[in-house]
């Protein structure tokens, strides 16, 4: 069985490792070739840490539910 909490923790640890490696590469190589990769990894980590994906799905479900209710009432055609 798939355990979502365990998978999330493993993903967090993996992202931390990748972020730390990219920071080390940024420090050691002068022209900063890995800046974009570092930014993407940090955004992914922040999204995971703050449950942004779950919030988007929850909000999307509420909007779909509202649209269905309004279409049954007849206010949306």
Protein backbone atom coordinates (compact mmCIF):
# COMPACT_ATOMS: atom_id res chain seq x y z
CA UNK A 1 0.00 0.00 0.00
CA UNK A 2 1.19 3.48 -0.83
CA UNK A 3 1.89 5.68 2.21
CA UNK A 4 1.54 9.35 1.27
CA UNK A 5 3.16 10.72 4.45
CA UNK A 6 6.23 8.52 4.09
CA UNK A 7 6.54 9.39 0.40
CA UNK A 8 6.29 13.09 1.21
CA UNK A 9 9.05 12.82 3.82
CA UNK A 10 11.31 10.92 1.43
CA UNK A 11 10.68 13.51 -1.27
CA UNK A 12 11.46 16.34 1.16
CA UNK A 13 14.76 14.71 2.13
CA UNK A 14 15.67 14.13 -1.52
CA UNK A 15 14.93 17.74 -2.40
CA UNK A 16 17.03 18.93 0.55
CA UNK A 17 19.93 16.84 -0.71
CA UNK A 18 19.61 18.12 -4.28
CA UNK A 19 19.32 21.72 -3.04
CA UNK A 20 22.42 21.40 -0.88
CA UNK A 21 24.40 19.92 -3.79
CA UNK A 22 23.28 22.74 -6.09
CA UNK A 23 24.26 25.34 -3.48
CA UNK A 24 27.69 23.73 -3.19
CA UNK A 25 28.08 23.81 -6.97
CA UNK A 26 27.01 27.47 -7.06
CA UNK A 27 29.68 28.35 -4.53
CA UNK A 28 32.45 26.38 -6.23
CA UNK A 29 31.82 27.43 -9.85
CA UNK A 30 32.10 31.21 -10.48
CA UNK A 31 29.65 31.95 -13.34
CA UNK A 32 26.68 30.38 -11.50
CA UNK A 33 25.51 27.89 -14.12
CA UNK A 34 23.07 26.13 -11.77
CA UNK A 35 21.06 29.14 -10.56
CA UNK A 36 17.90 28.23 -12.48
CA UNK A 37 18.00 24.61 -11.28
CA UNK A 38 18.43 25.82 -7.73
CA UNK A 39 15.45 28.17 -8.02
CA UNK A 40 13.26 25.39 -9.42
CA UNK A 41 14.26 22.99 -6.65
CA UNK A 42 13.60 25.62 -3.98
CA UNK A 43 10.16 26.37 -5.43
CA UNK A 44 9.35 22.64 -5.46
CA UNK A 45 10.47 22.30 -1.86
CA UNK A 46 8.42 25.30 -0.72
CA UNK A 47 5.38 23.96 -2.57
CA UNK A 48 5.76 20.57 -0.94
CA UNK A 49 6.40 22.01 2.50
CA UNK A 50 3.31 24.29 2.39
CA UNK A 51 0.91 21.71 0.87
CA UNK A 52 0.27 23.95 -2.13
CA UNK A 53 -0.72 21.05 -4.40
CA UNK A 54 -3.35 19.84 -1.93
CA UNK A 55 -4.68 23.38 -1.54
CA UNK A 56 -4.99 23.82 -5.31
CA UNK A 57 -6.85 20.52 -5.64
CA UNK A 58 -9.17 21.45 -2.76
CA UNK A 59 -9.89 24.87 -4.28
CA UNK A 60 -10.47 23.35 -7.72
CA UNK A 61 -12.95 20.86 -6.24
CA UNK A 62 -14.87 23.70 -4.54
CA UNK A 63 -15.05 25.65 -7.81
CA UNK A 64 -16.30 22.62 -9.74
CA UNK A 65 -18.90 21.92 -7.04
CA UNK A 66 -20.07 25.55 -7.14
CA UNK A 67 -20.34 25.50 -10.95
CA UNK A 68 -22.39 22.29 -10.84
CA UNK A 69 -24.72 23.78 -8.20
CA UNK A 70 -25.16 26.99 -10.21
CA UNK A 71 -25.87 25.09 -13.41
CA UNK A 72 -28.60 23.10 -11.64
CA UNK A 73 -30.17 26.30 -10.32
CA UNK A 74 -30.03 27.82 -13.80
CA UNK A 75 -27.85 30.85 -13.15
CA UNK A 76 -25.05 29.49 -15.35
CA UNK A 77 -26.02 28.27 -18.81
